[in-house]
C-alpha atoms as a PDB file:
ATOM      1  CA  UNK A   1       0.000   0.000   0.000  1.00  0.00           C
ATOM      2  CA  UNK A   2       1.842   3.076  -1.268  1.00  0.00           C
ATOM      3  CA  UNK A   3       0.617   6.632  -0.606  1.00  0.00           C
ATOM      4  CA  UNK A   4      -0.084   9.153  -3.348  1.00  0.00           C
ATOM      5  CA  UNK A   5       3.012  11.186  -4.213  1.00  0.00           C
ATOM      6  CA  UNK A   6       5.516   8.553  -3.066  1.00  0.00           C
ATOM      7  CA  UNK A   7       8.746   8.134  -5.023  1.00  0.00           C
ATOM      8  CA  UNK A   8      11.161   5.204  -5.024  1.00  0.00           C
ATOM      9  CA  UNK A   9      14.505   6.631  -6.241  1.00  0.00           C
ATOM     10  CA  UNK A  10      16.614   4.927  -8.917  1.00  0.00           C
ATOM     11  CA  UNK A  11      18.138   1.643  -7.769  1.00  0.00           C
ATOM     12  CA  UNK A  12      18.846  -1.882  -8.987  1.00  0.00           C
ATOM     13  CA  UNK A  13      18.692  -5.439  -7.672  1.00  0.00           C
ATOM     14  CA  UNK A  14      17.735  -8.925  -8.876  1.00  0.00           C
ATOM     15  CA  UNK A  15      14.738  -9.678 -11.062  1.00  0.00           C
ATOM     16  CA  UNK A  16      11.316  -8.392  -9.956  1.00  0.00           C
ATOM     17  CA  UNK A  17       7.722  -8.992 -11.046  1.00  0.00           C
ATOM     18  CA  UNK A  18       4.628  -7.092  -9.949  1.00  0.00           C
ATOM     19  CA  UNK A  19       0.895  -6.638 -10.385  1.00  0.00           C
ATOM     20  CA  UNK A  20      -1.148  -3.497  -9.685  1.00  0.00           C
ATOM     21  CA  UNK A  21      -4.182  -4.254  -7.519  1.00  0.00           C
ATOM     22  CA  UNK A  22      -5.461  -0.682  -7.347  1.00  0.00           C
ATOM     23  CA  UNK A  23      -4.304   2.812  -8.288  1.00  0.00           C
ATOM     24  CA  UNK A  24      -1.554   3.857 -10.639  1.00  0.00           C
ATOM     25  CA  UNK A  25       2.230   3.850 -10.789  1.00  0.00           C
ATOM     26  CA  UNK A  26       4.758   5.283 -13.199  1.00  0.00           C
ATOM     27  CA  UNK A  27       7.650   2.858 -13.538  1.00  0.00           C
ATOM     28  CA  UNK A  28      10.886   3.831 -15.267  1.00  0.00           C
ATOM     29  CA  UNK A  29      13.099   0.906 -16.264  1.00  0.00           C
ATOM     30  CA  UNK A  30      16.290   1.486 -18.221  1.00  0.00           C
ATOM     31  CA  UNK A  31      15.263   5.072 -18.995  1.00  0.00           C
ATOM     32  CA  UNK A  32      11.818   4.177 -20.388  1.00  0.00           C
ATOM     33  CA  UNK A  33       8.725   5.231 -18.409  1.00  0.00           C
ATOM     34  CA  UNK A  34       5.390   3.442 -18.559  1.00  0.00           C
ATOM     35  CA  UNK A  35       2.191   3.906 -16.540  1.00  0.00           C
ATOM     36  CA  UNK A  36       0.608   0.835 -14.940  1.00  0.00           C
ATOM     37  CA  UNK A  37      -2.965   0.659 -13.644  1.00  0.00           C
ATOM     38  CA  UNK A  38      -5.249  -1.857 -11.930  1.00  0.00           C
ATOM     39  CA  UNK A  39      -4.798  -5.285 -13.498  1.00  0.00           C
ATOM     40  CA  UNK A  40      -1.483  -4.481 -15.210  1.00  0.00           C
ATOM     41  CA  UNK A  41       1.642  -6.496 -14.495  1.00  0.00           C
ATOM     42  CA  UNK A  42       5.289  -5.588 -14.944  1.00  0.00           C
ATOM     43  CA  UNK A  43       8.730  -7.157 -15.052  1.00  0.00           C
ATOM     44  CA  UNK A  44      12.068  -5.614 -14.097  1.00  0.00           C
ATOM     45  CA  UNK A  45      15.109  -7.550 -15.354  1.00  0.00           C
ATOM     46  CA  UNK A  46      17.972  -8.322 -12.977  1.00  0.00           C
ATOM     47  CA  UNK A  47      20.370  -5.393 -12.687  1.00  0.00           C
ATOM     48  CA  UNK A  48      18.115  -2.889 -14.497  1.00  0.00           C
ATOM     49  CA  UNK A  49      18.165   0.596 -12.986  1.00  0.00           C
ATOM     50  CA  UNK A  50      14.575   1.539 -12.179  1.00  0.00           C
ATOM     51  CA  UNK A  51      12.453   3.979 -10.172  1.00  0.00           C
ATOM     52  CA  UNK A  52       8.759   4.442  -9.437  1.00  0.00           C
ATOM     53  CA  UNK A  53       6.409   7.374  -8.862  1.00  0.00           C
ATOM     54  CA  UNK A  54       2.877   7.086  -7.523  1.00  0.00           C
ATOM     55  CA  UNK A  55       0.461   9.781  -8.792  1.00  0.00           C
ATOM     56  CA  UNK A  56      -2.339   8.060  -6.849  1.00  0.00           C
ATOM     57  CA  UNK A  57      -2.504   5.772  -3.836  1.00  0.00           C
ATOM     58  CA  UNK A  58      -1.451   2.391  -5.143  1.00  0.00           C
ATOM     59  CA  UNK A  59      -1.601  -1.230  -4.001  1.00  0.00           C
ATOM     60  CA  UNK A  60       0.753  -3.713  -5.646  1.00  0.00           C
ATOM     61  CA  UNK A  61       2.031  -7.227  -5.138  1.00  0.00           C
ATOM     62  CA  UNK A  62       5.752  -7.547  -5.867  1.00  0.00           C
ATOM     63  CA  UNK A  63       7.792 -10.732  -6.192  1.00  0.00           C
ATOM     64  CA  UNK A  64      11.576 -10.661  -6.017  1.00  0.00           C
ATOM     65  CA  UNK A  65      14.093 -13.233  -7.235  1.00  0.00           C
ATOM     66  CA  UNK A  66      16.471 -12.235  -4.417  1.00  0.00           C
ATOM     67  CA  UNK A  67      15.630 -14.558  -1.522  1.00  0.00           C
ATOM     68  CA  UNK A  68      17.066 -12.102   1.005  1.00  0.00           C
ATOM     69  CA  UNK A  69      15.502  -8.913  -0.453  1.00  0.00           C
ATOM     70  CA  UNK A  70      13.289  -8.403   2.614  1.00  0.00           C
ATOM     71  CA  UNK A  71      13.182 -10.015   6.034  1.00  0.00           C
ATOM     72  CA  UNK A  72      10.086 -12.007   6.992  1.00  0.00           C
ATOM     73  CA  UNK A  73       7.718 -10.186   9.315  1.00  0.00           C
ATOM     74  CA  UNK A  74       6.688 -11.732  12.609  1.00  0.00           C
END
């Protein structure tokens, strides 16, 4: 759940896949920007520099190839 106006600055890591559940995000991958909306899915190749902007509140599900990308909660 990402608030309207949020920005994830340019970074890179292993492969990533995602699906927009609600709202809108502007994803820039390798210098190309595309807008994703509810029902859209995206792929970020391993090592690709990318960033995201959220013109609206947005809910996404992201999957990462890196097994240690985030620590388990709980």
